[in-house]
C-alpha atoms as a PDB file:
ATOM      1  CA  MET A   1     -24.072  -0.987   4.163  1.00  0.00           C
ATOM      2  CA  ARG A   2     -22.294  -1.196   0.830  1.00  0.00           C
ATOM      3  CA  PHE A   3     -18.835  -2.568   0.136  1.00  0.00           C
ATOM      4  CA  ALA A   4     -16.596  -3.337  -2.816  1.00  0.00           C
ATOM      5  CA  LYS A   5     -13.698  -5.743  -3.221  1.00  0.00           C
ATOM      6  CA  GLY A   6     -10.624  -4.794  -5.211  1.00  0.00           C
ATOM      7  CA  HIS A   7      -6.952  -5.540  -5.616  1.00  0.00           C
ATOM      8  CA  GLY A   8      -3.692  -4.233  -7.036  1.00  0.00           C
ATOM      9  CA  THR A   9      -1.511  -7.142  -8.169  1.00  0.00           C
ATOM     10  CA  GLU A  10      -3.467  -9.408  -5.772  1.00  0.00           C
ATOM     11  CA  ASN A  11      -2.844  -7.158  -2.770  1.00  0.00           C
ATOM     12  CA  ASP A  12      -6.554  -7.114  -1.911  1.00  0.00           C
ATOM     13  CA  PHE A  13      -8.846  -4.739  -0.052  1.00  0.00           C
ATOM     14  CA  VAL A  14     -12.367  -4.328   1.220  1.00  0.00           C
ATOM     15  CA  VAL A  15     -13.546  -0.865   0.139  1.00  0.00           C
ATOM     16  CA  LEU A  16     -16.101   0.840   2.390  1.00  0.00           C
ATOM     17  CA  PRO A  17     -17.795   3.929   0.925  1.00  0.00           C
ATOM     18  CA  ASP A  18     -18.410   6.306   3.849  1.00  0.00           C
ATOM     19  CA  PRO A  19     -18.367   9.797   2.329  1.00  0.00           C
ATOM     20  CA  ASP A  20     -19.793  11.510   5.412  1.00  0.00           C
ATOM     21  CA  GLY A  21     -17.673   9.634   7.972  1.00  0.00           C
ATOM     22  CA  VAL A  22     -20.528   7.967   9.883  1.00  0.00           C
ATOM     23  CA  LEU A  23     -19.133   4.426  10.199  1.00  0.00           C
ATOM     24  CA  ASP A  24     -17.799   3.213  13.522  1.00  0.00           C
ATOM     25  CA  LEU A  25     -14.787   1.482  12.011  1.00  0.00           C
ATOM     26  CA  SER A  26     -13.293  -0.276  15.031  1.00  0.00           C
ATOM     27  CA  ALA A  27     -10.211  -2.470  14.911  1.00  0.00           C
ATOM     28  CA  THR A  28     -12.440  -5.459  15.734  1.00  0.00           C
ATOM     29  CA  ARG A  29     -14.662  -4.785  12.728  1.00  0.00           C
ATOM     30  CA  VAL A  30     -11.694  -4.305  10.407  1.00  0.00           C
ATOM     31  CA  ALA A  31     -10.144  -7.586  11.551  1.00  0.00           C
ATOM     32  CA  ALA A  32     -13.465  -9.392  11.076  1.00  0.00           C
ATOM     33  CA  LEU A  33     -13.921  -7.987   7.560  1.00  0.00           C
ATOM     34  CA  CYS A  34     -10.399  -9.033   6.568  1.00  0.00           C
ATOM     35  CA  ASP A  35     -10.659 -12.545   8.022  1.00  0.00           C
ATOM     36  CA  ARG A  36     -10.662 -14.966   5.086  1.00  0.00           C
ATOM     37  CA  ARG A  37     -12.906 -17.488   6.861  1.00  0.00           C
ATOM     38  CA  ARG A  38     -15.420 -15.519   8.911  1.00  0.00           C
ATOM     39  CA  GLY A  39     -15.404 -12.294   6.891  1.00  0.00           C
ATOM     40  CA  LEU A  40     -14.889 -11.107   3.332  1.00  0.00           C
ATOM     41  CA  GLY A  41     -11.120 -11.625   3.358  1.00  0.00           C
ATOM     42  CA  ALA A  42      -8.533  -8.981   2.508  1.00  0.00           C
ATOM     43  CA  ASP A  43      -5.106  -7.573   3.291  1.00  0.00           C
ATOM     44  CA  GLY A  44      -6.703  -4.364   4.498  1.00  0.00           C
ATOM     45  CA  VAL A  45      -9.675  -1.994   4.488  1.00  0.00           C
ATOM     46  CA  LEU A  46      -9.970   1.230   2.490  1.00  0.00           C
ATOM     47  CA  ARG A  47     -12.565   3.618   3.879  1.00  0.00           C
ATOM     48  CA  VAL A  48     -13.588   6.180   1.243  1.00  0.00           C
ATOM     49  CA  VAL A  49     -14.368   9.304   3.251  1.00  0.00           C
ATOM     50  CA  ARG A  50     -14.357  13.047   2.751  1.00  0.00           C
ATOM     51  CA  TRP A  51     -11.384  14.567   4.524  1.00  0.00           C
ATOM     52  CA  ALA A  52     -13.520  17.285   6.119  1.00  0.00           C
ATOM     53  CA  ALA A  53     -15.630  14.609   7.821  1.00  0.00           C
ATOM     54  CA  LEU A  54     -12.636  13.382   9.877  1.00  0.00           C
ATOM     55  CA  GLY A  55     -12.080  16.493  11.959  1.00  0.00           C
ATOM     56  CA  GLY A  56     -12.349  14.604  15.264  1.00  0.00           C
ATOM     57  CA  ASP A  57      -9.786  11.909  14.410  1.00  0.00           C
ATOM     58  CA  ASP A  58      -6.428  12.806  15.938  1.00  0.00           C
ATOM     59  CA  THR A  59      -4.623  10.263  13.702  1.00  0.00           C
ATOM     60  CA  VAL A  60      -5.612  12.272  10.620  1.00  0.00           C
ATOM     61  CA  PRO A  61      -3.744  15.443   9.597  1.00  0.00           C
ATOM     62  CA  ALA A  62      -5.689  18.651   9.054  1.00  0.00           C
ATOM     63  CA  ALA A  63      -7.522  18.735   5.729  1.00  0.00           C
ATOM     64  CA  GLU A  64      -5.823  20.631   2.923  1.00  0.00           C
ATOM     65  CA  PRO A  65      -7.773  23.027   0.694  1.00  0.00           C
ATOM     66  CA  GLY A  66      -8.883  21.526  -2.604  1.00  0.00           C
ATOM     67  CA  VAL A  67      -8.424  17.896  -1.530  1.00  0.00           C
ATOM     68  CA  GLU A  68     -11.844  16.303  -1.012  1.00  0.00           C
ATOM     69  CA  TRP A  69     -11.163  12.614  -0.405  1.00  0.00           C
ATOM     70  CA  PHE A  70      -9.126  10.860   2.280  1.00  0.00           C
ATOM     71  CA  MET A  71      -7.925   7.237   2.157  1.00  0.00           C
ATOM     72  CA  ASP A  72      -8.497   5.880   5.669  1.00  0.00           C
ATOM     73  CA  TYR A  73      -6.419   2.706   5.437  1.00  0.00           C
ATOM     74  CA  ARG A  74      -6.398  -0.080   8.028  1.00  0.00           C
ATOM     75  CA  ASN A  75      -4.242  -3.223   8.121  1.00  0.00           C
ATOM     76  CA  ALA A  76      -5.854  -6.648   8.316  1.00  0.00           C
ATOM     77  CA  ASP A  77      -5.350  -6.802  12.095  1.00  0.00           C
ATOM     78  CA  GLY A  78      -7.252  -3.529  12.523  1.00  0.00           C
ATOM     79  CA  SER A  79      -4.208  -1.331  13.098  1.00  0.00           C
ATOM     80  CA  ILE A  80      -3.922   2.027  11.354  1.00  0.00           C
ATOM     81  CA  ALA A  81      -1.350   2.435   8.562  1.00  0.00           C
ATOM     82  CA  GLU A  82       0.043   5.632   7.092  1.00  0.00           C
ATOM     83  CA  MET A  83       0.052   4.655   3.423  1.00  0.00           C
ATOM     84  CA  CYS A  84      -0.645   1.886   0.923  1.00  0.00           C
ATOM     85  CA  GLY A  85       0.567   2.236  -2.665  1.00  0.00           C
ATOM     86  CA  ASN A  86      -1.613  -0.502  -4.129  1.00  0.00           C
ATOM     87  CA  GLY A  87      -4.514   0.670  -1.994  1.00  0.00           C
ATOM     88  CA  VAL A  88      -4.397   4.273  -3.164  1.00  0.00           C
ATOM     89  CA  ARG A  89      -4.696   3.114  -6.787  1.00  0.00           C
ATOM     90  CA  VAL A  90      -7.700   0.913  -5.945  1.00  0.00           C
ATOM     91  CA  PHE A  91      -9.145   3.831  -3.948  1.00  0.00           C
ATOM     92  CA  ALA A  92      -8.902   6.076  -7.026  1.00  0.00           C
ATOM     93  CA  ARG A  93     -10.508   3.396  -9.199  1.00  0.00           C
ATOM     94  CA  TYR A  94     -13.409   3.207  -6.760  1.00  0.00           C
ATOM     95  CA  LEU A  95     -13.920   6.977  -6.900  1.00  0.00           C
ATOM     96  CA  ALA A  96     -14.203   6.663 -10.678  1.00  0.00           C
ATOM     97  CA  TYR A  97     -16.722   3.814 -10.349  1.00  0.00           C
ATOM     98  CA  ALA A  98     -18.826   5.753  -7.828  1.00  0.00           C
ATOM     99  CA  GLY A  99     -18.837   8.920  -9.927  1.00  0.00           C
ATOM    100  CA  TRP A 100     -17.004  10.828  -7.184  1.00  0.00           C
ATOM    101  CA  LEU A 101     -14.113  12.130  -9.248  1.00  0.00           C
ATOM    102  CA  PRO A 102     -13.981  15.941  -9.325  1.00  0.00           C
ATOM    103  CA  ASP A 103     -15.461  17.660 -12.363  1.00  0.00           C
ATOM    104  CA  GLY A 104     -13.182  19.484 -14.730  1.00  0.00           C
ATOM    105  CA  PRO A 105     -10.465  18.893 -17.309  1.00  0.00           C
ATOM    106  CA  ASP A 106      -7.708  17.908 -14.861  1.00  0.00           C
ATOM    107  CA  THR A 107      -6.415  14.382 -15.300  1.00  0.00           C
ATOM    108  CA  GLU A 108      -4.719  14.324 -11.903  1.00  0.00           C
ATOM    109  CA  LEU A 109      -6.454  13.468  -8.646  1.00  0.00           C
ATOM    110  CA  ARG A 110      -5.074  14.594  -5.272  1.00  0.00           C
ATOM    111  CA  LEU A 111      -5.896  12.356  -2.317  1.00  0.00           C
ATOM    112  CA  GLY A 112      -5.257  12.688   1.394  1.00  0.00           C
ATOM    113  CA  THR A 113      -3.547   9.927   3.373  1.00  0.00           C
ATOM    114  CA  ARG A 114      -1.911   9.709   6.785  1.00  0.00           C
ATOM    115  CA  GLY A 115       1.384   9.666   4.883  1.00  0.00           C
ATOM    116  CA  GLY A 116       0.644  12.950   3.093  1.00  0.00           C
ATOM    117  CA  ILE A 117      -0.984  14.057  -0.158  1.00  0.00           C
ATOM    118  CA  ARG A 118      -0.737  11.595  -3.047  1.00  0.00           C
ATOM    119  CA  THR A 119      -1.362  12.590  -6.667  1.00  0.00           C
ATOM    120  CA  VAL A 120      -2.906   9.890  -8.861  1.00  0.00           C
ATOM    121  CA  TRP A 121      -3.520   9.785 -12.589  1.00  0.00           C
ATOM    122  CA  PHE A 122      -5.136   7.281 -14.920  1.00  0.00           C
ATOM    123  CA  GLU A 123      -2.844   6.141 -17.725  1.00  0.00           C
ATOM    124  CA  GLY A 124      -4.403   6.835 -21.136  1.00  0.00           C
ATOM    125  CA  GLY A 125      -6.978   9.128 -19.534  1.00  0.00           C
ATOM    126  CA  ASP A 126      -9.458   6.261 -18.881  1.00  0.00           C
ATOM    127  CA  ALA A 127     -10.466   6.208 -15.212  1.00  0.00           C
ATOM    128  CA  THR A 128     -12.264   2.861 -15.523  1.00  0.00           C
ATOM    129  CA  ASP A 129      -9.559   0.782 -17.191  1.00  0.00           C
ATOM    130  CA  GLY A 130      -5.796   0.554 -17.674  1.00  0.00           C
ATOM    131  CA  GLU A 131      -2.963   1.273 -15.302  1.00  0.00           C
ATOM    132  CA  VAL A 132      -3.129   3.764 -12.470  1.00  0.00           C
ATOM    133  CA  SER A 133      -0.035   5.720 -11.451  1.00  0.00           C
ATOM    134  CA  VAL A 134       0.632   7.509  -8.173  1.00  0.00           C
ATOM    135  CA  ASP A 135       3.289   9.996  -7.153  1.00  0.00           C
ATOM    136  CA  MET A 136       4.581   8.428  -3.943  1.00  0.00           C
ATOM    137  CA  GLY A 137       6.694  11.427  -2.993  1.00  0.00           C
ATOM    138  CA  PRO A 138      10.315  11.195  -1.863  1.00  0.00           C
ATOM    139  CA  ALA A 139      11.674   7.979  -0.405  1.00  0.00           C
ATOM    140  CA  LEU A 140      13.803   8.772   2.634  1.00  0.00           C
ATOM    141  CA  ILE A 141      16.756   6.441   3.117  1.00  0.00           C
ATOM    142  CA  GLY A 142      17.622   5.713   6.713  1.00  0.00           C
ATOM    143  CA  ASP A 143      20.109   3.565   8.566  1.00  0.00           C
ATOM    144  CA  ALA A 144      21.469   0.186   7.584  1.00  0.00           C
ATOM    145  CA  SER A 145      19.933  -2.672   9.514  1.00  0.00           C
ATOM    146  CA  THR A 146      19.179  -6.391   9.244  1.00  0.00           C
ATOM    147  CA  ALA A 147      16.163  -8.650   8.998  1.00  0.00           C
ATOM    148  CA  ALA A 148      16.286 -12.163  10.416  1.00  0.00           C
ATOM    149  CA  VAL A 149      14.555 -15.142   8.810  1.00  0.00           C
ATOM    150  CA  ALA A 150      14.902 -18.642  10.278  1.00  0.00           C
ATOM    151  CA  GLY A 151      18.043 -17.573  12.130  1.00  0.00           C
ATOM    152  CA  ARG A 152      19.711 -16.009   9.086  1.00  0.00           C
ATOM    153  CA  ALA A 153      20.485 -12.291   8.938  1.00  0.00           C
ATOM    154  CA  PHE A 154      19.800 -10.303   5.770  1.00  0.00           C
ATOM    155  CA  PRO A 155      21.404  -6.860   5.495  1.00  0.00           C
ATOM    156  CA  GLY A 156      19.141  -4.062   4.354  1.00  0.00           C
ATOM    157  CA  ILE A 157      18.382  -0.358   4.605  1.00  0.00           C
ATOM    158  CA  ALA A 158      15.542   1.551   6.206  1.00  0.00           C
ATOM    159  CA  VAL A 159      13.370   3.362   3.659  1.00  0.00           C
ATOM    160  CA  ASP A 160      10.481   5.641   4.594  1.00  0.00           C
ATOM    161  CA  VAL A 161       7.775   5.901   1.913  1.00  0.00           C
ATOM    162  CA  GLY A 162       5.226   7.476   4.230  1.00  0.00           C
ATOM    163  CA  ASN A 163       5.390   4.218   6.197  1.00  0.00           C
ATOM    164  CA  PRO A 164       8.457   2.289   7.428  1.00  0.00           C
ATOM    165  CA  HIS A 165      10.284  -0.353   5.379  1.00  0.00           C
ATOM    166  CA  LEU A 166      13.385  -2.478   5.666  1.00  0.00           C
ATOM    167  CA  ALA A 167      14.472  -3.406   2.136  1.00  0.00           C
ATOM    168  CA  CYS A 168      16.992  -6.254   1.811  1.00  0.00           C
ATOM    169  CA  VAL A 169      18.730  -6.907  -1.518  1.00  0.00           C
ATOM    170  CA  THR A 170      19.781 -10.538  -1.628  1.00  0.00           C
ATOM    171  CA  ASP A 171      21.039 -13.258  -3.979  1.00  0.00           C
ATOM    172  CA  VAL A 172      19.188 -15.899  -1.948  1.00  0.00           C
ATOM    173  CA  GLU A 173      16.429 -17.695  -3.873  1.00  0.00           C
ATOM    174  CA  LEU A 174      13.341 -15.789  -2.744  1.00  0.00           C
ATOM    175  CA  GLU A 175      11.074 -18.838  -2.927  1.00  0.00           C
ATOM    176  CA  SER A 176      13.172 -20.494  -0.224  1.00  0.00           C
ATOM    177  CA  LEU A 177      12.455 -17.833   2.410  1.00  0.00           C
ATOM    178  CA  GLN A 178      10.173 -18.822   5.273  1.00  0.00           C
ATOM    179  CA  LEU A 179       7.912 -15.816   5.743  1.00  0.00           C
ATOM    180  CA  GLU A 180       5.096 -17.516   7.674  1.00  0.00           C
ATOM    181  CA  VAL A 181       6.202 -15.543  10.736  1.00  0.00           C
ATOM    182  CA  PRO A 182       7.345 -11.911  10.861  1.00  0.00           C
ATOM    183  CA  PRO A 183      11.064 -11.449  10.161  1.00  0.00           C
ATOM    184  CA  GLY A 184      13.115 -10.234  13.084  1.00  0.00           C
ATOM    185  CA  TYR A 185      14.135  -6.568  13.079  1.00  0.00           C
ATOM    186  CA  ASP A 186      15.602  -3.885  15.322  1.00  0.00           C
ATOM    187  CA  PRO A 187      12.723  -2.429  17.401  1.00  0.00           C
ATOM    188  CA  ALA A 188      14.847   0.547  18.375  1.00  0.00           C
ATOM    189  CA  LEU A 189      15.035   1.568  14.708  1.00  0.00           C
ATOM    190  CA  PHE A 190      11.418   0.616  13.974  1.00  0.00           C
ATOM    191  CA  PRO A 191       9.441   1.254  17.175  1.00  0.00           C
ATOM    192  CA  HIS A 192       6.090   1.036  15.366  1.00  0.00           C
ATOM    193  CA  GLY A 193       6.900  -2.106  13.388  1.00  0.00           C
ATOM    194  CA  VAL A 194       8.141  -2.381   9.822  1.00  0.00           C
ATOM    195  CA  ASN A 195       7.352  -3.846   6.422  1.00  0.00           C
ATOM    196  CA  VAL A 196      10.229  -6.072   5.293  1.00  0.00           C
ATOM    197  CA  GLU A 197      11.103  -6.612   1.614  1.00  0.00           C
ATOM    198  CA  PHE A 198      13.442  -9.191   0.121  1.00  0.00           C
ATOM    199  CA  VAL A 199      14.422  -8.270  -3.425  1.00  0.00           C
ATOM    200  CA  SER A 200      16.762  -9.700  -6.033  1.00  0.00           C
ATOM    201  CA  PRO A 201      19.563  -7.441  -7.355  1.00  0.00           C
ATOM    202  CA  LEU A 202      19.591  -5.859 -10.792  1.00  0.00           C
ATOM    203  CA  THR A 203      21.619  -8.091 -13.099  1.00  0.00           C
ATOM    204  CA  GLY A 204      22.535  -8.022 -16.761  1.00  0.00           C
ATOM    205  CA  GLY A 205      20.855  -4.710 -17.443  1.00  0.00           C
ATOM    206  CA  SER A 206      17.430  -6.383 -17.366  1.00  0.00           C
ATOM    207  CA  GLY A 207      15.703  -3.555 -15.497  1.00  0.00           C
ATOM    208  CA  GLU A 208      13.582  -6.099 -13.627  1.00  0.00           C
ATOM    209  CA  VAL A 209      13.760  -7.665 -10.171  1.00  0.00           C
ATOM    210  CA  ALA A 210      11.705 -10.042  -8.038  1.00  0.00           C
ATOM    211  CA  MET A 211      10.353  -9.290  -4.556  1.00  0.00           C
ATOM    212  CA  ARG A 212       8.619 -10.872  -1.594  1.00  0.00           C
ATOM    213  CA  VAL A 213       7.287  -8.858   1.328  1.00  0.00           C
ATOM    214  CA  HIS A 214       6.061  -9.332   4.870  1.00  0.00           C
ATOM    215  CA  GLU A 215       3.756  -6.491   5.905  1.00  0.00           C
ATOM    216  CA  ARG A 216       3.345  -5.428   9.516  1.00  0.00           C
ATOM    217  CA  GLY A 217      -0.134  -6.153  10.808  1.00  0.00           C
ATOM    218  CA  VAL A 218      -0.923  -8.411   7.843  1.00  0.00           C
ATOM    219  CA  GLY A 219       1.696 -11.089   7.125  1.00  0.00           C
ATOM    220  CA  GLU A 220       3.143 -12.009   3.763  1.00  0.00           C
ATOM    221  CA  THR A 221       1.108 -10.408   0.990  1.00  0.00           C
ATOM    222  CA  ARG A 222       1.032 -11.095  -2.723  1.00  0.00           C
ATOM    223  CA  SER A 223       2.261  -7.568  -3.373  1.00  0.00           C
ATOM    224  CA  CYS A 224       2.901  -4.247  -1.627  1.00  0.00           C
ATOM    225  CA  GLY A 225       2.974  -0.902  -3.405  1.00  0.00           C
ATOM    226  CA  THR A 226       5.005   1.066  -0.889  1.00  0.00           C
ATOM    227  CA  GLY A 227       7.224  -1.995  -0.430  1.00  0.00           C
ATOM    228  CA  THR A 228       7.862  -2.089  -4.163  1.00  0.00           C
ATOM    229  CA  VAL A 229       9.004   1.535  -4.059  1.00  0.00           C
ATOM    230  CA  ALA A 230      11.282   0.849  -1.089  1.00  0.00           C
ATOM    231  CA  ALA A 231      12.695  -2.225  -2.824  1.00  0.00           C
ATOM    232  CA  VAL A 232      13.503  -0.317  -6.016  1.00  0.00           C
ATOM    233  CA  VAL A 233      15.191   2.470  -4.056  1.00  0.00           C
ATOM    234  CA  ALA A 234      17.335  -0.165  -2.323  1.00  0.00           C
ATOM    235  CA  VAL A 235      18.079  -2.021  -5.577  1.00  0.00           C
ATOM    236  CA  LEU A 236      19.182   1.146  -7.374  1.00  0.00           C
ATOM    237  CA  ARG A 237      21.351   2.117  -4.417  1.00  0.00           C
ATOM    238  CA  HIS A 238      22.860  -1.384  -4.414  1.00  0.00           C
ATOM    239  CA  ALA A 239      23.646  -0.964  -8.132  1.00  0.00           C
ATOM    240  CA  GLY A 240      25.252   2.430  -7.543  1.00  0.00           C
ATOM    241  CA  ALA A 241      22.426   4.377  -9.181  1.00  0.00           C
ATOM    242  CA  GLY A 242      20.311   7.156  -7.745  1.00  0.00           C
ATOM    243  CA  SER A 243      17.485   7.086 -10.281  1.00  0.00           C
ATOM    244  CA  GLY A 244      15.867   4.900 -12.903  1.00  0.00           C
ATOM    245  CA  THR A 245      12.815   2.806 -13.760  1.00  0.00           C
ATOM    246  CA  VAL A 246      12.646  -0.789 -12.555  1.00  0.00           C
ATOM    247  CA  ALA A 247       9.958  -3.439 -13.060  1.00  0.00           C
ATOM    248  CA  VAL A 248       9.184  -5.566 -10.019  1.00  0.00           C
ATOM    249  CA  ARG A 249       7.761  -9.085 -10.185  1.00  0.00           C
ATOM    250  CA  THR A 250       5.758  -9.857  -7.075  1.00  0.00           C
ATOM    251  CA  PRO A 251       3.857 -13.114  -6.472  1.00  0.00           C
ATOM    252  CA  GLY A 252       0.691 -11.230  -7.423  1.00  0.00           C
ATOM    253  CA  GLY A 253       1.856  -9.495 -10.586  1.00  0.00           C
ATOM    254  CA  ARG A 254       4.108  -6.876 -12.095  1.00  0.00           C
ATOM    255  CA  LEU A 255       4.579  -3.256 -11.030  1.00  0.00           C
ATOM    256  CA  ARG A 256       6.919  -0.500 -12.210  1.00  0.00           C
ATOM    257  CA  VAL A 257       8.645   2.142 -10.120  1.00  0.00           C
ATOM    258  CA  THR A 258      10.355   5.286 -11.378  1.00  0.00           C
ATOM    259  CA  VAL A 259      12.823   6.984  -9.045  1.00  0.00           C
ATOM    260  CA  ASP A 260      13.861  10.558  -9.855  1.00  0.00           C
ATOM    261  CA  ASP A 261      15.546  13.270  -7.847  1.00  0.00           C
ATOM    262  CA  GLY A 262      13.288  13.775  -4.854  1.00  0.00           C
ATOM    263  CA  SER A 263      10.368  11.737  -6.190  1.00  0.00           C
ATOM    264  CA  THR A 264       9.108   8.200  -6.765  1.00  0.00           C
ATOM    265  CA  THR A 265       6.233   7.023  -8.966  1.00  0.00           C
ATOM    266  CA  LEU A 266       4.408   3.704  -8.780  1.00  0.00           C
ATOM    267  CA  HIS A 267       2.643   2.309 -11.872  1.00  0.00           C
ATOM    268  CA  GLY A 268       0.346  -0.708 -11.926  1.00  0.00           C
ATOM    269  CA  PRO A 269      -3.130  -2.190 -12.260  1.00  0.00           C
ATOM    270  CA  ALA A 270      -6.113  -1.496 -10.011  1.00  0.00           C
ATOM    271  CA  VAL A 271      -9.044  -3.895 -10.290  1.00  0.00           C
ATOM    272  CA  LEU A 272     -12.533  -3.782  -8.785  1.00  0.00           C
ATOM    273  CA  VAL A 273     -13.727  -7.380  -8.459  1.00  0.00           C
ATOM    274  CA  GLY A 274     -17.273  -6.874  -7.233  1.00  0.00           C
ATOM    275  CA  HIS A 275     -19.761  -4.980  -5.101  1.00  0.00           C
ATOM    276  CA  GLY A 276     -22.195  -6.034  -2.402  1.00  0.00           C
ATOM    277  CA  GLU A 277     -23.953  -5.304   0.855  1.00  0.00           C
ATOM    278  CA  LEU A 278     -22.944  -6.332   4.366  1.00  0.00           C
ATOM    279  CA  GLU A 279     -25.509  -8.001   6.585  1.00  0.00           C
ATOM    280  CA  GLY A 280     -26.449  -5.486   9.266  1.00  0.00           C
ATOM    281  CA  SER A 281     -26.704  -8.020  12.081  1.00  0.00           C
ATOM    282  CA  TRP A 282     -23.235  -9.374  11.257  1.00  0.00           C
ATOM    283  CA  TRP A 283     -21.752  -5.877  11.334  1.00  0.00           C
ATOM    284  CA  ASP A 284     -23.459  -5.004  14.607  1.00  0.00           C
ATOM    285  CA  ALA A 285     -22.106  -8.182  16.220  1.00  0.00           C
ATOM    286  CA  GLN A 286     -18.475  -7.235  15.493  1.00  0.00           C
ATOM    287  CA  VAL A 287     -17.860  -5.119  18.581  1.00  0.00           C
END
């Protein structure tokens, strides 16, 4: 059973090639794979599967014509997630490595996710190197709310990027935040949990901000693609702007987000670190 390891700005993933959808990918197995002591270690699992092979999975929307591949993404605790912006770029990089990109002159790749279709392209036309960009679709701004860290409330706004976020723009020194435990949030507004971002405001026309994030089902991660999009939407709104391009410094590296009318685009690296084979007896024991 083959696997790969990859990351996007140190938001890391185990990639499982399963084109025909034959793997029994239980929550227990996902959690074991992502465990950094007894498994391979990762923030999540990306199963590379043909959309048509997932017809019996009621968490997956009906396959759309012309879209072959589906990103079956799982959080580190085994729970199912709708989208992952860093993950979808690593997913596309793996398709290039495996030789599974569609033939033809098109430079854009359409992928299925639980959060909807995502269009990916390789900057410079090189599918094996350079930045990967993904059209993340519209970011839907919801209600104002607050996140609580160590008894302190941080005002923010709900942002839906295919999955739920609470983005908090703050002048507080981000390194001082205690994110070892999940921030408090309003469960009535986020009944299925929420990713919480803390982001510095735009200042001095720099076009760059810093961000930390706590992901539901994972913990604090070095980066989060969808969280970066949500953070930029919140930062632009805080600055009185509805569109623009902002660079985001995460602990794991630098990403860029472009917000236009009705659309958001995430730009950043996607790295495959290595490839290997899982021990069959270990896999079988994770039940």
